[in-house]
Structures are given as C-alpha cells and as structure tokens.
Amino acid sequence: MGAAAPRGGRLTAFVRVSIALQTVAIFFQAVTSGIAMSAPYGEMLHSAGARGMYAASMLYVLAAVLAWRPGGGSARPILYSTGFLLLASLQVVLGIAHVMGVHLPLGVLMFGLSLLDLGRVAFGRRVR
C-alpha cells in the first residue's frame, strides 16, 4: 500500500526533472547559437549542446513512458515527449543541412513549447 504512492511520486518527479533538463538544454542551444555566429569555438559548443538536448529529449520520452505504464499516470506526456523528440530530430537534420531560415525559428518554438510543458507539469493542477 505505501510502496505505490512513493513510486508514482518518484516517477512524476522524474518527468518534471526530465522536462526541466530538456528546457535548460534548449536554452543552452539558444545561447550557443549566438556564440556560434560570433566566435570560432561556438560551433563546437553548439554541436555538443545538440547532443545533450537530443539526449534530454530521449530521457523525457523514457520518463513519460515509465510514469505512464508502471506508475499508472496519464499517457498524454508520452505524446508531448515524442513530439519533442521528433522536433529535435528535425532540428538536427536542419542544422546539419544549414537551413537556418527554419532551424532558428524552430528552435525558438521548441523553447517556448518546452517552457509551456514545464509550466504545465510544475504548476498545473494535481488531478487524482
């Protein structure tokens, strides 16, 4: 009886942490994007950050699945996290192809969506 509630709480916390990590990683990408345009080492930082942001998106998918199935939570975060992973994949492709006219606005959109998702999870109503 007591083991179910803490497990669900830990999984919910794991989802929150993974969304926060993703949001920070996307913000890091915005910062390093500006550095990449003005400094020779910026491209290296942006490339390393891209790997971190992609890993954070995959972690969010994992957290959402774990919170849903074993934790008994909603399946909706799986849709959000999968959407972010698809957007991150598109970002990688566009960045490698140097299609900056789409890559930059998509990055801004991803940051805004990640902030909204973080706010939804961190400050949203708790429904039993």
Protein backbone atom coordinates (compact mmCIF):
# COMPACT_ATOMS: atom_id res chain seq x y z
CA MET A 1 0.00 0.00 0.00
CA GLY A 2 2.70 2.51 0.96
CA ALA A 3 5.04 1.47 -1.87
CA ALA A 4 2.70 2.53 -4.69
CA ALA A 5 2.41 6.19 -3.75
CA PRO A 6 6.13 6.93 -3.38
CA ARG A 7 6.91 5.13 -6.64
CA GLY A 8 4.37 7.22 -8.51
CA GLY A 9 5.77 10.31 -6.81
CA ARG A 10 9.30 9.44 -7.86
CA LEU A 11 8.19 8.81 -11.44
CA THR A 12 6.31 12.10 -11.54
CA ALA A 13 9.40 13.83 -10.20
CA PHE A 14 11.45 12.07 -12.89
CA VAL A 15 9.13 13.53 -15.55
CA ARG A 16 9.47 17.01 -14.03
CA VAL A 17 13.25 16.75 -13.88
CA SER A 18 13.47 15.47 -17.45
CA ILE A 19 11.31 18.33 -18.78
CA ALA A 20 13.38 20.85 -16.82
CA LEU A 21 16.58 19.32 -18.18
CA GLN A 22 15.21 19.48 -21.71
CA THR A 23 14.23 23.13 -21.27
CA VAL A 24 17.67 24.04 -19.93
CA ALA A 25 19.33 22.15 -22.80
CA ILE A 26 17.24 24.03 -25.38
CA PHE A 27 18.09 27.34 -23.68
CA PHE A 28 21.78 26.36 -23.79
CA GLN A 29 21.34 25.79 -27.52
CA ALA A 30 19.96 29.31 -27.92
CA VAL A 31 22.95 30.76 -26.09
CA THR A 32 25.49 28.71 -28.03
CA SER A 33 23.73 29.58 -31.28
CA GLY A 34 24.58 33.21 -30.69
CA ILE A 35 28.13 32.28 -29.73
CA ALA A 36 28.44 30.13 -32.89
CA MET A 37 27.63 33.15 -35.01
CA SER A 38 30.29 35.31 -33.39
CA ALA A 39 33.12 33.10 -32.12
CA PRO A 40 35.17 30.32 -33.71
CA TYR A 41 34.62 27.87 -30.82
CA GLY A 42 30.86 28.48 -30.75
CA GLU A 43 30.08 25.84 -33.34
CA MET A 44 31.77 23.20 -31.21
CA LEU A 45 29.72 24.24 -28.15
CA HIS A 46 26.51 24.26 -30.20
CA SER A 47 27.27 20.81 -31.60
CA ALA A 48 27.94 19.39 -28.13
CA GLY A 49 24.78 21.06 -26.83
CA ALA A 50 22.78 19.49 -29.66
CA ARG A 51 23.81 16.05 -28.46
CA GLY A 52 22.83 16.96 -24.90
CA MET A 53 19.48 18.37 -26.00
CA TYR A 54 18.73 15.26 -28.03
CA ALA A 55 19.65 13.06 -25.05
CA ALA A 56 17.40 15.17 -22.80
CA SER A 57 14.52 14.68 -25.26
CA MET A 58 15.07 10.92 -25.21
CA LEU A 59 15.18 11.00 -21.41
CA TYR A 60 11.83 12.81 -21.39
CA VAL A 61 10.31 10.04 -23.55
CA LEU A 62 11.68 7.41 -21.16
CA ALA A 63 10.36 9.28 -18.11
CA ALA A 64 6.92 9.71 -19.69
CA VAL A 65 6.67 6.01 -20.55
CA LEU A 66 7.80 4.95 -17.08
CA ALA A 67 5.36 7.34 -15.39
CA TRP A 68 2.52 6.06 -17.58
CA ARG A 69 2.85 2.30 -17.57
CA PRO A 70 4.31 1.20 -14.24
CA GLY A 71 3.40 4.42 -12.46
CA GLY A 72 -0.23 4.50 -13.58
CA GLY A 73 -0.06 8.07 -14.86
CA SER A 74 -1.58 9.67 -17.94
CA ALA A 75 -0.40 8.75 -21.44
CA ARG A 76 -0.54 12.38 -22.59
CA PRO A 77 3.09 13.17 -21.63
CA ILE A 78 4.18 10.38 -23.99
CA LEU A 79 2.62 12.33 -26.87
CA TYR A 80 4.32 15.55 -25.78
CA SER A 81 7.70 13.90 -25.29
CA THR A 82 7.50 12.06 -28.61
CA GLY A 83 6.63 15.35 -30.31
CA PHE A 84 9.68 16.98 -28.76
CA LEU A 85 11.87 14.10 -29.89
CA LEU A 86 10.54 14.46 -33.45
CA LEU A 87 11.15 18.22 -33.36
CA ALA A 88 14.66 17.62 -32.02
CA SER A 89 15.31 15.17 -34.86
CA LEU A 90 14.12 17.75 -37.37
CA GLN A 91 16.34 20.36 -35.71
CA VAL A 92 19.39 18.12 -36.08
CA VAL A 93 18.66 17.49 -39.76
CA LEU A 94 18.06 21.18 -40.48
CA GLY A 95 21.16 22.22 -38.54
CA ILE A 96 23.42 19.79 -40.37
CA ALA A 97 21.93 20.96 -43.70
CA HIS A 98 22.49 24.62 -42.62
CA VAL A 99 18.85 25.58 -43.29
CA MET A 100 18.96 28.44 -40.80
CA GLY A 101 15.74 30.02 -42.05
CA VAL A 102 13.84 27.12 -40.49
CA HIS A 103 16.37 25.89 -37.91
CA LEU A 104 16.39 29.10 -35.83
CA PRO A 105 12.61 29.70 -35.67
CA LEU A 106 12.03 26.03 -34.90
CA GLY A 107 14.49 26.32 -32.01
CA VAL A 108 12.57 29.28 -30.63
CA LEU A 109 9.31 27.35 -30.99
CA MET A 110 10.80 24.34 -29.21
CA PHE A 111 11.98 26.50 -26.32
CA GLY A 112 8.55 28.08 -25.95
CA LEU A 113 6.78 24.72 -26.09
CA SER A 114 9.21 23.24 -23.59
CA LEU A 115 8.59 26.14 -21.20
CA LEU A 116 4.84 25.66 -21.55
CA ASP A 117 5.17 21.94 -20.91
CA LEU A 118 7.39 22.57 -17.90
CA GLY A 119 4.84 25.02 -16.54
CA ARG A 120 2.05 22.54 -17.14
CA VAL A 121 3.82 19.85 -15.15
CA ALA A 122 5.35 22.03 -12.45
CA PHE A 123 2.42 24.34 -11.76
CA GLY A 124 -0.58 22.52 -13.22
CA ARG A 125 -3.46 21.24 -11.18
CA ARG A 126 -2.94 17.93 -9.45
CA VAL A 127 -5.69 15.55 -10.56
CA ARG A 128 -6.15 12.22 -8.79
